N, C-alpha and C. Protein backbone atom coordinates (compact mmCIF):
# COMPACT_ATOMS: atom_id res chain seq x y z
N MET A 1 0.82 -1.19 0.00
CA MET A 1 0.00 0.00 0.00
C MET A 1 0.88 1.26 0.00
N ALA A 2 1.95 1.24 0.74
CA ALA A 2 2.84 2.39 0.79
C ALA A 2 3.48 2.65 -0.58
N LEU A 3 3.81 1.58 -1.30
CA LEU A 3 4.41 1.75 -2.62
C LEU A 3 3.40 2.34 -3.60
N LYS A 4 2.15 1.98 -3.48
CA LYS A 4 1.10 2.56 -4.33
C LYS A 4 0.97 4.04 -4.04
N ALA A 5 0.97 4.42 -2.78
CA ALA A 5 0.88 5.84 -2.41
C ALA A 5 2.08 6.60 -2.94
N LEU A 6 3.25 6.01 -2.86
CA LEU A 6 4.46 6.64 -3.37
C LEU A 6 4.39 6.82 -4.89
N ALA A 7 3.91 5.80 -5.59
CA ALA A 7 3.76 5.89 -7.04
C ALA A 7 2.77 6.99 -7.42
N ASP A 8 1.66 7.04 -6.69
CA ASP A 8 0.66 8.09 -6.95
C ASP A 8 1.25 9.48 -6.72
N LEU A 9 2.02 9.63 -5.66
CA LEU A 9 2.63 10.92 -5.34
C LEU A 9 3.64 11.31 -6.41
N ARG A 10 4.44 10.37 -6.86
CA ARG A 10 5.42 10.66 -7.93
C ARG A 10 4.72 11.12 -9.19
N HIS A 11 3.60 10.48 -9.52
CA HIS A 11 2.83 10.86 -10.71
C HIS A 11 2.28 12.28 -10.55
N LEU A 12 1.74 12.58 -9.40
CA LEU A 12 1.20 13.91 -9.13
C LEU A 12 2.28 14.98 -9.21
N ILE A 13 3.44 14.70 -8.63
CA ILE A 13 4.55 15.65 -8.67
C ILE A 13 4.98 15.90 -10.11
N ALA A 14 5.05 14.86 -10.92
CA ALA A 14 5.44 15.02 -12.32
C ALA A 14 4.44 15.88 -13.07
N GLU A 15 3.15 15.65 -12.83
CA GLU A 15 2.11 16.44 -13.51
C GLU A 15 2.17 17.91 -13.10
N VAL A 16 2.22 18.17 -11.82
CA VAL A 16 2.25 19.54 -11.33
C VAL A 16 3.54 20.23 -11.75
N GLY A 17 4.64 19.50 -11.71
CA GLY A 17 5.92 20.06 -12.15
C GLY A 17 5.89 20.45 -13.61
N ALA A 18 5.30 19.61 -14.44
CA ALA A 18 5.20 19.92 -15.86
C ALA A 18 4.33 21.16 -16.09
N ASP A 19 3.23 21.26 -15.36
CA ASP A 19 2.36 22.43 -15.48
C ASP A 19 3.08 23.70 -15.04
N ALA A 20 3.82 23.61 -13.94
CA ALA A 20 4.56 24.77 -13.45
C ALA A 20 5.67 25.15 -14.42
N ALA A 21 6.35 24.16 -14.99
CA ALA A 21 7.40 24.44 -15.97
C ALA A 21 6.83 25.15 -17.18
N LEU A 22 5.65 24.73 -17.62
CA LEU A 22 5.01 25.40 -18.75
C LEU A 22 4.67 26.85 -18.41
N ALA A 23 4.18 27.08 -17.20
CA ALA A 23 3.85 28.44 -16.77
C ALA A 23 5.10 29.33 -16.78
N VAL A 24 6.23 28.78 -16.39
CA VAL A 24 7.48 29.53 -16.43
C VAL A 24 7.88 29.78 -17.89
N GLN A 25 7.77 28.75 -18.71
CA GLN A 25 8.17 28.86 -20.11
C GLN A 25 7.39 29.93 -20.85
N ILE A 26 6.09 30.04 -20.60
CA ILE A 26 5.28 31.01 -21.33
C ILE A 26 5.27 32.37 -20.65
N GLY A 27 6.02 32.50 -19.58
CA GLY A 27 6.20 33.79 -18.95
C GLY A 27 5.20 34.18 -17.88
N ARG A 28 4.34 33.25 -17.49
CA ARG A 28 3.38 33.57 -16.42
C ARG A 28 4.06 33.65 -15.06
N ILE A 29 5.17 32.92 -14.91
CA ILE A 29 5.95 32.96 -13.67
C ILE A 29 7.38 33.32 -14.04
N PRO A 30 7.88 34.47 -13.57
CA PRO A 30 9.25 34.86 -13.90
C PRO A 30 10.29 33.93 -13.27
N MET A 31 11.36 33.67 -13.97
CA MET A 31 12.42 32.81 -13.47
C MET A 31 13.00 33.35 -12.17
N GLU A 32 13.06 34.66 -12.04
CA GLU A 32 13.55 35.26 -10.80
C GLU A 32 12.69 34.84 -9.61
N THR A 33 11.39 34.77 -9.82
CA THR A 33 10.47 34.35 -8.76
C THR A 33 10.71 32.89 -8.39
N VAL A 34 10.92 32.06 -9.40
CA VAL A 34 11.20 30.65 -9.17
C VAL A 34 12.50 30.50 -8.37
N ALA A 35 13.53 31.21 -8.79
CA ALA A 35 14.82 31.12 -8.11
C ALA A 35 14.70 31.54 -6.65
N THR A 36 13.99 32.62 -6.41
CA THR A 36 13.80 33.09 -5.03
C THR A 36 13.04 32.05 -4.21
N ALA A 37 11.99 31.49 -4.79
CA ALA A 37 11.20 30.48 -4.07
C ALA A 37 12.01 29.24 -3.74
N LEU A 38 12.91 28.88 -4.65
CA LEU A 38 13.75 27.70 -4.42
C LEU A 38 15.00 28.01 -3.60
N GLY A 39 15.27 29.30 -3.41
CA GLY A 39 16.46 29.70 -2.66
C GLY A 39 17.75 29.39 -3.41
N THR A 40 17.73 29.63 -4.72
CA THR A 40 18.88 29.30 -5.55
C THR A 40 19.06 30.36 -6.63
N SER A 41 20.05 30.15 -7.47
CA SER A 41 20.30 31.09 -8.57
C SER A 41 19.29 30.85 -9.69
N GLU A 42 19.20 31.83 -10.59
CA GLU A 42 18.31 31.67 -11.74
C GLU A 42 18.77 30.53 -12.64
N ALA A 43 20.08 30.37 -12.79
CA ALA A 43 20.60 29.27 -13.62
C ALA A 43 20.21 27.91 -13.05
N ALA A 44 20.36 27.75 -11.75
CA ALA A 44 19.99 26.48 -11.11
C ALA A 44 18.48 26.27 -11.17
N ALA A 45 17.71 27.32 -10.98
CA ALA A 45 16.26 27.21 -11.08
C ALA A 45 15.84 26.82 -12.49
N ARG A 46 16.51 27.38 -13.48
CA ARG A 46 16.20 27.05 -14.88
C ARG A 46 16.46 25.56 -15.15
N ARG A 47 17.57 25.04 -14.63
CA ARG A 47 17.87 23.61 -14.80
C ARG A 47 16.80 22.76 -14.12
N TYR A 48 16.39 23.18 -12.94
CA TYR A 48 15.36 22.45 -12.19
C TYR A 48 14.04 22.44 -12.96
N VAL A 49 13.64 23.60 -13.45
CA VAL A 49 12.39 23.72 -14.22
C VAL A 49 12.48 22.88 -15.49
N ASN A 50 13.62 22.96 -16.18
CA ASN A 50 13.78 22.20 -17.41
C ASN A 50 13.69 20.70 -17.18
N SER A 51 14.09 20.23 -16.01
CA SER A 51 14.01 18.80 -15.72
C SER A 51 12.56 18.31 -15.73
N TYR A 52 11.62 19.18 -15.43
CA TYR A 52 10.21 18.82 -15.46
C TYR A 52 9.63 18.91 -16.87
N ARG A 53 10.24 19.67 -17.72
CA ARG A 53 9.74 19.82 -19.09
C ARG A 53 10.09 18.59 -19.93
N HIS A 54 11.05 17.80 -19.48
CA HIS A 54 11.52 16.67 -20.27
C HIS A 54 11.23 15.33 -19.60
N THR A 55 10.17 15.31 -18.80
CA THR A 55 9.85 14.03 -18.13
C THR A 55 8.71 13.35 -18.82
């Protein structure tokens, strides 16, 4: 049962991550805002966001 919950959570994270990455890509969320929220540089935030665009 725990593995099913984990699989469901991973699927949800991938979906939400892809939606958020698209919002960043089309300019609805500025990369500066993402970087600040993640507590990292814009370059690192961009790599993080891009990882969701290619899943």
